[in-house]
Amino acid sequence: MKKILTTAVLALVLALATHPIVARADSDPGTKVGFRGWGPRVGLTFSPDQFHFGAHMDFGNFAQHIRFQPNVEIGFGDNLTLIALNGEAAYRFASRWDVWTPYLGGGIGAFIFSADHGRGSDTQFGACILGGIEKGLTNGARFFIEAKLGLADAPDLKTTVGWTFYH
């Protein structure tokens, strides 16, 4: 359990620490790929029933309105610790950032389940579909509310709120 948690935290710290070496994207929301920002995320997971927190990175749009945003989430509860390493992409329906805008997407991930009290661990690979609503804030940051439906060995449902801080 400690080894899994240490590995996940190390991966997150390494990703955040090396972000300046990733090509930076300019302010054009078109099809520019590159590091745009990062942010925290918190929420609730259902089946297993947990509280989760984590961080995500925004690597820009690889197609018009389609953003790549991988994330790491760690969940606690239901006598289980769950570490989720997700690669997700989402389609944002509007170009304007100053209004609430819906988005839809999906992704794949690795899910490391570790039972409390030393009963072992298991790693599974799964997929999810997601949807949410987000709004650009006046300082360039972004706030979002999101729901994920798990498919194929992923948690059944996650509800999350988060912020993206642009660089």
N, C-alpha and C. Protein backbone atom coordinates (compact mmCIF):
# COMPACT_ATOMS: atom_id res chain seq x y z
N MET A 1 0.83 -1.19 0.00
CA MET A 1 0.00 0.00 0.00
C MET A 1 0.87 1.25 0.00
N LYS A 2 1.87 1.31 0.89
CA LYS A 2 2.76 2.47 0.95
C LYS A 2 3.52 2.63 -0.36
N LYS A 3 3.94 1.50 -0.94
CA LYS A 3 4.69 1.53 -2.19
C LYS A 3 3.84 2.10 -3.33
N ILE A 4 2.58 1.71 -3.39
CA ILE A 4 1.68 2.19 -4.44
C ILE A 4 1.43 3.68 -4.28
N LEU A 5 1.14 4.12 -3.05
CA LEU A 5 0.88 5.53 -2.79
C LEU A 5 2.11 6.37 -3.08
N THR A 6 3.27 5.89 -2.69
CA THR A 6 4.52 6.61 -2.95
C THR A 6 4.76 6.74 -4.44
N THR A 7 4.52 5.68 -5.21
CA THR A 7 4.70 5.72 -6.65
C THR A 7 3.77 6.73 -7.30
N ALA A 8 2.51 6.76 -6.88
CA ALA A 8 1.54 7.70 -7.46
C ALA A 8 1.91 9.13 -7.13
N VAL A 9 2.28 9.40 -5.90
CA VAL A 9 2.66 10.76 -5.51
C VAL A 9 3.92 11.18 -6.25
N LEU A 10 4.89 10.28 -6.38
CA LEU A 10 6.12 10.58 -7.10
C LEU A 10 5.82 10.91 -8.57
N ALA A 11 4.93 10.15 -9.20
CA ALA A 11 4.57 10.42 -10.59
C ALA A 11 3.93 11.80 -10.73
N LEU A 12 3.05 12.16 -9.81
CA LEU A 12 2.40 13.47 -9.85
C LEU A 12 3.42 14.59 -9.65
N VAL A 13 4.29 14.44 -8.66
CA VAL A 13 5.30 15.46 -8.39
C VAL A 13 6.24 15.61 -9.59
N LEU A 14 6.64 14.50 -10.20
CA LEU A 14 7.51 14.55 -11.36
C LEU A 14 6.84 15.25 -12.53
N ALA A 15 5.57 14.97 -12.75
CA ALA A 15 4.84 15.62 -13.84
C ALA A 15 4.74 17.13 -13.61
N LEU A 16 4.44 17.53 -12.39
CA LEU A 16 4.33 18.96 -12.09
C LEU A 16 5.69 19.65 -12.10
N ALA A 17 6.72 18.95 -11.65
CA ALA A 17 8.05 19.56 -11.57
C ALA A 17 8.68 19.73 -12.94
N THR A 18 8.34 18.89 -13.89
CA THR A 18 8.96 18.96 -15.21
C THR A 18 8.14 19.75 -16.22
N HIS A 19 7.05 20.36 -15.78
CA HIS A 19 6.19 21.03 -16.75
C HIS A 19 6.86 22.13 -17.56
N PRO A 20 7.89 22.84 -17.10
CA PRO A 20 8.51 23.86 -17.94
C PRO A 20 9.20 23.28 -19.17
N ILE A 21 9.59 22.00 -19.15
CA ILE A 21 10.25 21.45 -20.32
C ILE A 21 9.25 21.03 -21.39
N VAL A 22 7.97 21.02 -21.06
CA VAL A 22 6.94 20.72 -22.04
C VAL A 22 6.68 21.98 -22.84
N ALA A 23 6.49 21.85 -24.14
CA ALA A 23 6.25 23.03 -24.97
C ALA A 23 5.02 23.77 -24.48
N ARG A 24 5.16 25.07 -24.27
CA ARG A 24 4.04 25.88 -23.81
C ARG A 24 3.16 26.28 -24.99
N ALA A 25 1.87 26.33 -24.75
CA ALA A 25 0.94 26.74 -25.80
C ALA A 25 0.60 28.21 -25.59
N ASP A 26 0.30 28.90 -26.68
CA ASP A 26 -0.11 30.29 -26.53
C ASP A 26 -1.59 30.36 -26.19
N SER A 27 -2.16 31.54 -26.16
CA SER A 27 -3.55 31.71 -25.70
C SER A 27 -4.59 31.31 -26.73
N ASP A 28 -4.22 30.93 -27.94
CA ASP A 28 -5.16 30.52 -28.97
C ASP A 28 -5.75 29.16 -28.61
N PRO A 29 -7.09 29.06 -28.44
CA PRO A 29 -7.68 27.79 -28.06
C PRO A 29 -7.91 26.86 -29.25
N GLY A 30 -7.37 27.16 -30.42
CA GLY A 30 -7.57 26.35 -31.62
C GLY A 30 -7.04 24.94 -31.48
N THR A 31 -6.02 24.60 -32.24
CA THR A 31 -5.46 23.26 -32.20
C THR A 31 -4.01 23.29 -31.72
N LYS A 32 -3.72 24.10 -30.77
CA LYS A 32 -2.37 24.19 -30.22
C LYS A 32 -2.18 23.15 -29.13
N VAL A 33 -1.16 22.33 -29.29
CA VAL A 33 -0.84 21.33 -28.29
C VAL A 33 0.35 21.83 -27.49
N GLY A 34 0.31 21.67 -26.19
CA GLY A 34 1.39 22.09 -25.31
C GLY A 34 0.84 22.35 -23.93
N PHE A 35 1.71 22.50 -22.99
CA PHE A 35 1.30 22.70 -21.61
C PHE A 35 0.57 24.03 -21.45
N ARG A 36 -0.66 23.99 -20.96
CA ARG A 36 -1.46 25.19 -20.73
C ARG A 36 -1.65 25.47 -19.25
N GLY A 37 -1.64 24.45 -18.41
CA GLY A 37 -1.85 24.66 -16.99
C GLY A 37 -2.11 23.36 -16.25
N TRP A 38 -2.37 23.51 -14.97
CA TRP A 38 -2.65 22.37 -14.12
C TRP A 38 -3.62 22.81 -13.04
N GLY A 39 -4.13 21.85 -12.27
CA GLY A 39 -5.02 22.23 -11.18
C GLY A 39 -5.43 21.08 -10.30
N PRO A 40 -6.01 21.40 -9.16
CA PRO A 40 -6.50 20.39 -8.23
C PRO A 40 -7.91 19.95 -8.58
N ARG A 41 -8.29 18.80 -8.08
CA ARG A 41 -9.65 18.26 -8.26
C ARG A 41 -10.03 17.47 -7.03
N VAL A 42 -11.28 17.55 -6.61
CA VAL A 42 -11.79 16.82 -5.45
C VAL A 42 -13.20 16.35 -5.76
N GLY A 43 -13.62 15.27 -5.09
CA GLY A 43 -14.98 14.81 -5.33
C GLY A 43 -15.31 13.53 -4.59
N LEU A 44 -16.40 12.92 -5.04
CA LEU A 44 -16.92 11.68 -4.46
C LEU A 44 -16.94 10.60 -5.52
N THR A 45 -16.60 9.38 -5.08
CA THR A 45 -16.65 8.21 -5.95
C THR A 45 -17.72 7.28 -5.40
N PHE A 46 -18.48 6.68 -6.30
CA PHE A 46 -19.54 5.75 -5.90
C PHE A 46 -19.24 4.38 -6.51
N SER A 47 -19.19 3.37 -5.67
CA SER A 47 -18.90 1.98 -6.00
C SER A 47 -17.51 1.84 -6.59
N PRO A 48 -16.46 1.95 -5.74
CA PRO A 48 -16.48 2.02 -4.29
C PRO A 48 -16.86 3.42 -3.79
N ASP A 49 -17.43 3.48 -2.59
CA ASP A 49 -17.86 4.74 -1.99
C ASP A 49 -16.67 5.40 -1.32
N GLN A 50 -16.19 6.50 -1.94
CA GLN A 50 -14.96 7.13 -1.48
C GLN A 50 -15.00 8.64 -1.66
N PHE A 51 -14.09 9.29 -0.97
CA PHE A 51 -13.73 10.69 -1.21
C PHE A 51 -12.44 10.63 -2.01
N HIS A 52 -12.34 11.42 -3.09
CA HIS A 52 -11.10 11.42 -3.86
C HIS A 52 -10.58 12.84 -4.06
N PHE A 53 -9.28 12.93 -4.28
CA PHE A 53 -8.64 14.19 -4.62
C PHE A 53 -7.51 13.88 -5.58
N GLY A 54 -7.05 14.90 -6.27
CA GLY A 54 -5.96 14.68 -7.21
C GLY A 54 -5.58 15.95 -7.93
N ALA A 55 -4.97 15.77 -9.09
CA ALA A 55 -4.52 16.89 -9.90
C ALA A 55 -4.60 16.49 -11.37
N HIS A 56 -4.70 17.50 -12.21
CA HIS A 56 -4.75 17.27 -13.65
C HIS A 56 -3.84 18.28 -14.35
N MET A 57 -3.52 17.97 -15.59
CA MET A 57 -2.73 18.88 -16.42
C MET A 57 -3.49 19.08 -17.72
N ASP A 58 -3.44 20.29 -18.26
CA ASP A 58 -4.08 20.61 -19.53
C ASP A 58 -2.99 20.74 -20.58
N PHE A 59 -3.01 19.84 -21.56
CA PHE A 59 -2.01 19.86 -22.63
C PHE A 59 -2.55 20.43 -23.93
N GLY A 60 -3.61 21.22 -23.86
CA GLY A 60 -4.11 21.92 -25.03
C GLY A 60 -4.99 21.08 -25.94
N ASN A 61 -5.34 21.68 -27.06
CA ASN A 61 -6.25 21.07 -28.02
C ASN A 61 -5.47 20.41 -29.14
N PHE A 62 -5.68 19.10 -29.33
CA PHE A 62 -5.04 18.42 -30.44
C PHE A 62 -5.92 18.42 -31.67
N ALA A 63 -7.17 18.86 -31.53
CA ALA A 63 -8.10 19.11 -32.63
C ALA A 63 -9.02 20.24 -32.16
N GLN A 64 -9.74 20.86 -33.09
CA GLN A 64 -10.60 21.98 -32.73
C GLN A 64 -11.55 21.59 -31.61
N HIS A 65 -11.47 22.27 -30.47
CA HIS A 65 -12.32 22.08 -29.29
C HIS A 65 -12.04 20.79 -28.51
N ILE A 66 -11.07 19.96 -28.91
CA ILE A 66 -10.81 18.69 -28.22
C ILE A 66 -9.51 18.81 -27.44
N ARG A 67 -9.63 18.73 -26.12
CA ARG A 67 -8.52 18.96 -25.19
C ARG A 67 -8.07 17.65 -24.56
N PHE A 68 -6.75 17.50 -24.41
CA PHE A 68 -6.17 16.35 -23.70
C PHE A 68 -5.84 16.79 -22.28
N GLN A 69 -6.42 16.09 -21.29
CA GLN A 69 -6.26 16.49 -19.89
C GLN A 69 -6.09 15.25 -19.00
N PRO A 70 -4.87 14.71 -18.91
CA PRO A 70 -4.65 13.56 -18.03
C PRO A 70 -4.73 13.97 -16.56
N ASN A 71 -5.03 13.00 -15.70
CA ASN A 71 -5.14 13.31 -14.28
C ASN A 71 -4.80 12.11 -13.41
N VAL A 72 -4.52 12.40 -12.15
CA VAL A 72 -4.27 11.40 -11.13
C VAL A 72 -5.24 11.67 -10.00
N GLU A 73 -5.92 10.63 -9.52
CA GLU A 73 -6.85 10.77 -8.40
C GLU A 73 -6.58 9.67 -7.38
N ILE A 74 -6.65 10.03 -6.11
CA ILE A 74 -6.47 9.07 -5.03
C ILE A 74 -7.74 9.08 -4.20
N GLY A 75 -8.35 7.91 -4.04
CA GLY A 75 -9.59 7.80 -3.29
C GLY A 75 -9.41 7.00 -2.01
N PHE A 76 -10.14 7.43 -0.97
CA PHE A 76 -10.10 6.77 0.34
C PHE A 76 -11.51 6.48 0.80
N GLY A 77 -11.72 5.30 1.36
CA GLY A 77 -13.02 4.93 1.90
C GLY A 77 -13.41 3.53 1.46
N ASP A 78 -14.46 2.99 2.06
CA ASP A 78 -14.97 1.66 1.73
C ASP A 78 -13.91 0.59 1.96
N ASN A 79 -13.03 0.80 2.99
CA ASN A 79 -11.94 -0.13 3.31
C ASN A 79 -11.00 -0.38 2.14
N LEU A 80 -10.77 0.67 1.34
CA LEU A 80 -10.02 0.54 0.12
C LEU A 80 -9.33 1.86 -0.20
N THR A 81 -8.13 1.79 -0.76
CA THR A 81 -7.48 2.96 -1.33
C THR A 81 -7.41 2.73 -2.83
N LEU A 82 -7.82 3.71 -3.60
CA LEU A 82 -7.85 3.58 -5.06
C LEU A 82 -7.02 4.70 -5.67
N ILE A 83 -6.05 4.34 -6.49
CA ILE A 83 -5.26 5.31 -7.23
C ILE A 83 -5.64 5.15 -8.70
N ALA A 84 -6.11 6.25 -9.30
CA ALA A 84 -6.53 6.23 -10.69
C ALA A 84 -5.59 7.11 -11.52
N LEU A 85 -5.00 6.53 -12.54
CA LEU A 85 -4.14 7.25 -13.48
C LEU A 85 -4.91 7.30 -14.80
N ASN A 86 -5.43 8.48 -15.17
CA ASN A 86 -6.35 8.61 -16.28
C ASN A 86 -5.77 9.44 -17.43
N GLY A 87 -5.99 8.97 -18.64
CA GLY A 87 -5.71 9.75 -19.84
C GLY A 87 -7.05 10.08 -20.47
N GLU A 88 -7.44 11.35 -20.45
CA GLU A 88 -8.78 11.73 -20.89
C GLU A 88 -8.74 12.86 -21.92
N ALA A 89 -9.71 12.85 -22.79
CA ALA A 89 -9.89 13.92 -23.77
C ALA A 89 -11.35 14.34 -23.72
N ALA A 90 -11.60 15.63 -23.96
CA ALA A 90 -12.97 16.15 -23.89
C ALA A 90 -13.20 17.15 -25.00
N TYR A 91 -14.43 17.14 -25.53
CA TYR A 91 -14.86 18.10 -26.55
C TYR A 91 -15.62 19.22 -25.85
N ARG A 92 -15.14 20.44 -25.97
CA ARG A 92 -15.78 21.63 -25.39
C ARG A 92 -16.65 22.24 -26.47
N PHE A 93 -17.95 22.45 -26.19
CA PHE A 93 -18.90 22.84 -27.21
C PHE A 93 -18.80 24.29 -27.68
N ALA A 94 -18.27 25.20 -26.89
CA ALA A 94 -18.22 26.61 -27.28
C ALA A 94 -16.78 27.11 -27.29
N SER A 95 -16.54 28.16 -28.04
CA SER A 95 -15.21 28.78 -28.10
C SER A 95 -15.04 29.84 -27.02
N ARG A 96 -16.13 30.45 -26.59
CA ARG A 96 -16.04 31.50 -25.57
C ARG A 96 -15.76 30.90 -24.21
N TRP A 97 -14.84 31.51 -23.46
CA TRP A 97 -14.46 31.01 -22.15
C TRP A 97 -15.17 31.74 -21.02
N ASP A 98 -15.84 32.84 -21.30
CA ASP A 98 -16.46 33.62 -20.22
C ASP A 98 -17.90 33.20 -19.92
N VAL A 99 -18.36 32.10 -20.50
CA VAL A 99 -19.71 31.59 -20.25
C VAL A 99 -19.61 30.13 -19.80
N TRP A 100 -20.63 29.65 -19.08
CA TRP A 100 -20.68 28.24 -18.71
C TRP A 100 -20.88 27.43 -19.96
N THR A 101 -20.02 26.45 -20.19
CA THR A 101 -20.07 25.65 -21.41
C THR A 101 -19.98 24.17 -21.08
N PRO A 102 -20.85 23.35 -21.68
CA PRO A 102 -20.77 21.91 -21.44
C PRO A 102 -19.64 21.27 -22.26
N TYR A 103 -19.19 20.11 -21.79
CA TYR A 103 -18.22 19.32 -22.53
C TYR A 103 -18.50 17.84 -22.32
N LEU A 104 -18.09 17.02 -23.27
CA LEU A 104 -18.23 15.57 -23.22
C LEU A 104 -16.91 14.94 -23.63
N GLY A 105 -16.62 13.78 -23.07
CA GLY A 105 -15.38 13.12 -23.44
C GLY A 105 -15.31 11.72 -22.90
N GLY A 106 -14.09 11.22 -22.85
CA GLY A 106 -13.85 9.89 -22.34
C GLY A 106 -12.38 9.66 -22.15
N GLY A 107 -12.07 8.48 -21.67
CA GLY A 107 -10.68 8.17 -21.46
C GLY A 107 -10.45 6.75 -21.02
N ILE A 108 -9.17 6.44 -20.86
CA ILE A 108 -8.76 5.14 -20.37
C ILE A 108 -7.89 5.37 -19.15
N GLY A 109 -7.77 4.35 -18.32
CA GLY A 109 -6.96 4.54 -17.12
C GLY A 109 -6.51 3.24 -16.50
N ALA A 110 -5.55 3.38 -15.61
CA ALA A 110 -5.09 2.27 -14.78
C ALA A 110 -5.60 2.54 -13.37
N PHE A 111 -6.19 1.54 -12.74
CA PHE A 111 -6.80 1.68 -11.43
C PHE A 111 -6.13 0.70 -10.48
N ILE A 112 -5.46 1.24 -9.47
CA ILE A 112 -4.73 0.43 -8.51
C ILE A 112 -5.55 0.39 -7.23
N PHE A 113 -6.12 -0.78 -6.93
CA PHE A 113 -6.94 -0.99 -5.76
C PHE A 113 -6.07 -1.61 -4.68
N SER A 114 -6.08 -1.03 -3.49
CA SER A 114 -5.31 -1.57 -2.37
C SER A 114 -6.24 -1.68 -1.16
N ALA A 115 -6.49 -2.90 -0.74
CA ALA A 115 -7.38 -3.14 0.41
C ALA A 115 -6.70 -2.70 1.69
N ASP A 116 -7.46 -2.06 2.56
CA ASP A 116 -6.93 -1.66 3.86
C ASP A 116 -6.60 -2.91 4.68
N HIS A 117 -5.75 -2.74 5.66
CA HIS A 117 -5.37 -3.80 6.60
C HIS A 117 -4.58 -4.92 5.92
N GLY A 118 -3.82 -4.57 4.86
CA GLY A 118 -2.89 -5.51 4.25
C GLY A 118 -3.49 -6.70 3.55
N ARG A 119 -4.67 -6.56 2.99
CA ARG A 119 -5.32 -7.69 2.33
C ARG A 119 -4.97 -7.78 0.85
N GLY A 120 -3.96 -7.04 0.40
CA GLY A 120 -3.51 -7.16 -0.98
C GLY A 120 -3.95 -6.02 -1.86
N SER A 121 -3.48 -6.07 -3.10
CA SER A 121 -3.83 -5.04 -4.07
C SER A 121 -4.05 -5.67 -5.44
N ASP A 122 -4.65 -4.87 -6.32
CA ASP A 122 -4.96 -5.34 -7.67
C ASP A 122 -4.91 -4.14 -8.61
N THR A 123 -4.42 -4.34 -9.80
CA THR A 123 -4.41 -3.29 -10.82
C THR A 123 -5.30 -3.72 -11.96
N GLN A 124 -6.19 -2.81 -12.37
CA GLN A 124 -7.08 -3.08 -13.49
C GLN A 124 -7.01 -1.92 -14.46
N PHE A 125 -7.33 -2.20 -15.70
CA PHE A 125 -7.39 -1.16 -16.73
C PHE A 125 -8.83 -1.02 -17.15
N GLY A 126 -9.27 0.23 -17.31
CA GLY A 126 -10.66 0.46 -17.64
C GLY A 126 -10.84 1.71 -18.47
N ALA A 127 -12.09 2.07 -18.66
CA ALA A 127 -12.43 3.23 -19.47
C ALA A 127 -13.57 3.98 -18.81
N CYS A 128 -13.77 5.21 -19.24
CA CYS A 128 -14.87 6.01 -18.72
C CYS A 128 -15.39 6.95 -19.80
N ILE A 129 -16.62 7.38 -19.61
CA ILE A 129 -17.16 8.50 -20.37
C ILE A 129 -17.39 9.61 -19.36
N LEU A 130 -17.23 10.84 -19.79
CA LEU A 130 -17.37 11.94 -18.85
C LEU A 130 -18.12 13.10 -19.49
N GLY A 131 -18.66 13.91 -18.64
CA GLY A 131 -19.35 15.11 -19.07
C GLY A 131 -19.29 16.13 -17.95
N GLY A 132 -19.36 17.37 -18.34
CA GLY A 132 -19.30 18.41 -17.32
C GLY A 132 -19.65 19.76 -17.88
N ILE A 133 -19.43 20.74 -17.05
CA ILE A 133 -19.65 22.13 -17.42
C ILE A 133 -18.50 22.94 -16.83
N GLU A 134 -18.00 23.91 -17.59
CA GLU A 134 -16.88 24.70 -17.10
C GLU A 134 -17.04 26.16 -17.51
N LYS A 135 -16.31 27.01 -16.79
CA LYS A 135 -16.35 28.44 -17.06
C LYS A 135 -14.96 29.02 -16.87
N GLY A 136 -14.54 29.82 -17.82
CA GLY A 136 -13.29 30.55 -17.68
C GLY A 136 -13.49 31.72 -16.73
N LEU A 137 -12.54 31.93 -15.85
CA LEU A 137 -12.62 33.02 -14.88
C LEU A 137 -11.82 34.22 -15.38
N THR A 138 -12.02 35.38 -14.80
CA THR A 138 -11.39 36.60 -15.29
C THR A 138 -9.87 36.57 -15.19
N ASN A 139 -9.31 35.78 -14.29
CA ASN A 139 -7.85 35.72 -14.14
C ASN A 139 -7.21 34.69 -15.08
N GLY A 140 -7.99 34.09 -15.98
CA GLY A 140 -7.46 33.10 -16.91
C GLY A 140 -7.60 31.67 -16.42
N ALA A 141 -7.95 31.49 -15.16
CA ALA A 141 -8.15 30.14 -14.63
C ALA A 141 -9.50 29.61 -15.12
N ARG A 142 -9.79 28.36 -14.82
CA ARG A 142 -11.03 27.72 -15.24
C ARG A 142 -11.59 26.91 -14.08
N PHE A 143 -12.90 26.93 -13.88
CA PHE A 143 -13.59 26.14 -12.86
C PHE A 143 -14.48 25.14 -13.58
N PHE A 144 -14.55 23.89 -13.07
CA PHE A 144 -15.40 22.89 -13.71
C PHE A 144 -16.09 22.00 -12.70
N ILE A 145 -17.22 21.43 -13.14
CA ILE A 145 -17.98 20.42 -12.41
C ILE A 145 -18.14 19.26 -13.39
N GLU A 146 -17.80 18.05 -12.95
CA GLU A 146 -17.71 16.93 -13.88
C GLU A 146 -18.28 15.66 -13.28
N ALA A 147 -18.79 14.78 -14.14
CA ALA A 147 -19.23 13.44 -13.74
C ALA A 147 -18.61 12.44 -14.71
N LYS A 148 -18.13 11.31 -14.15
CA LYS A 148 -17.55 10.23 -14.96
C LYS A 148 -18.33 8.96 -14.70
N LEU A 149 -18.70 8.27 -15.77
CA LEU A 149 -19.33 6.96 -15.67
C LEU A 149 -18.29 5.92 -16.04
N GLY A 150 -18.03 4.99 -15.13
CA GLY A 150 -17.02 3.98 -15.37
C GLY A 150 -17.51 2.86 -16.27
N LEU A 151 -16.65 2.42 -17.14
CA LEU A 151 -16.89 1.28 -18.03
C LEU A 151 -15.75 0.30 -17.82
N ALA A 152 -15.99 -0.95 -17.90
CA ALA A 152 -14.95 -1.97 -17.92
C ALA A 152 -13.91 -1.80 -16.82
N ASP A 153 -14.22 -2.22 -15.63
CA ASP A 153 -13.28 -2.27 -14.50
C ASP A 153 -12.88 -0.91 -13.93
N ALA A 154 -13.65 0.12 -14.15
CA ALA A 154 -13.43 1.44 -13.56
C ALA A 154 -14.49 1.67 -12.49
N PRO A 155 -14.27 2.60 -11.54
CA PRO A 155 -15.32 2.92 -10.57
C PRO A 155 -16.62 3.32 -11.29
N ASP A 156 -17.77 2.98 -10.72
CA ASP A 156 -19.06 3.19 -11.37
C ASP A 156 -19.34 4.66 -11.70
N LEU A 157 -19.12 5.56 -10.72
CA LEU A 157 -19.45 6.97 -10.92
C LEU A 157 -18.52 7.83 -10.08
N LYS A 158 -18.06 8.93 -10.67
CA LYS A 158 -17.28 9.93 -9.93
C LYS A 158 -17.89 11.29 -10.21
N THR A 159 -18.05 12.09 -9.17
CA THR A 159 -18.44 13.48 -9.32
C THR A 159 -17.28 14.32 -8.80
N THR A 160 -16.89 15.32 -9.57
CA THR A 160 -15.67 16.06 -9.26
C THR A 160 -15.85 17.54 -9.54
N VAL A 161 -15.24 18.37 -8.72
CA VAL A 161 -15.09 19.80 -9.00
C VAL A 161 -13.59 20.08 -9.07
N GLY A 162 -13.23 21.06 -9.88
CA GLY A 162 -11.81 21.36 -9.99
C GLY A 162 -11.54 22.73 -10.59
N TRP A 163 -10.28 23.09 -10.56
CA TRP A 163 -9.81 24.36 -11.07
C TRP A 163 -8.59 24.09 -11.94
N THR A 164 -8.44 24.86 -12.99
CA THR A 164 -7.24 24.80 -13.82
C THR A 164 -6.60 26.17 -13.78
N PHE A 165 -5.35 26.22 -13.37
CA PHE A 165 -4.60 27.46 -13.30
C PHE A 165 -3.68 27.52 -14.50
N TYR A 166 -3.86 28.54 -15.33
CA TYR A 166 -3.05 28.67 -16.56
C TYR A 166 -1.71 29.28 -16.30
N HIS A 167 -0.72 28.91 -17.13
CA HIS A 167 0.64 29.44 -17.03
C HIS A 167 0.99 30.15 -18.31
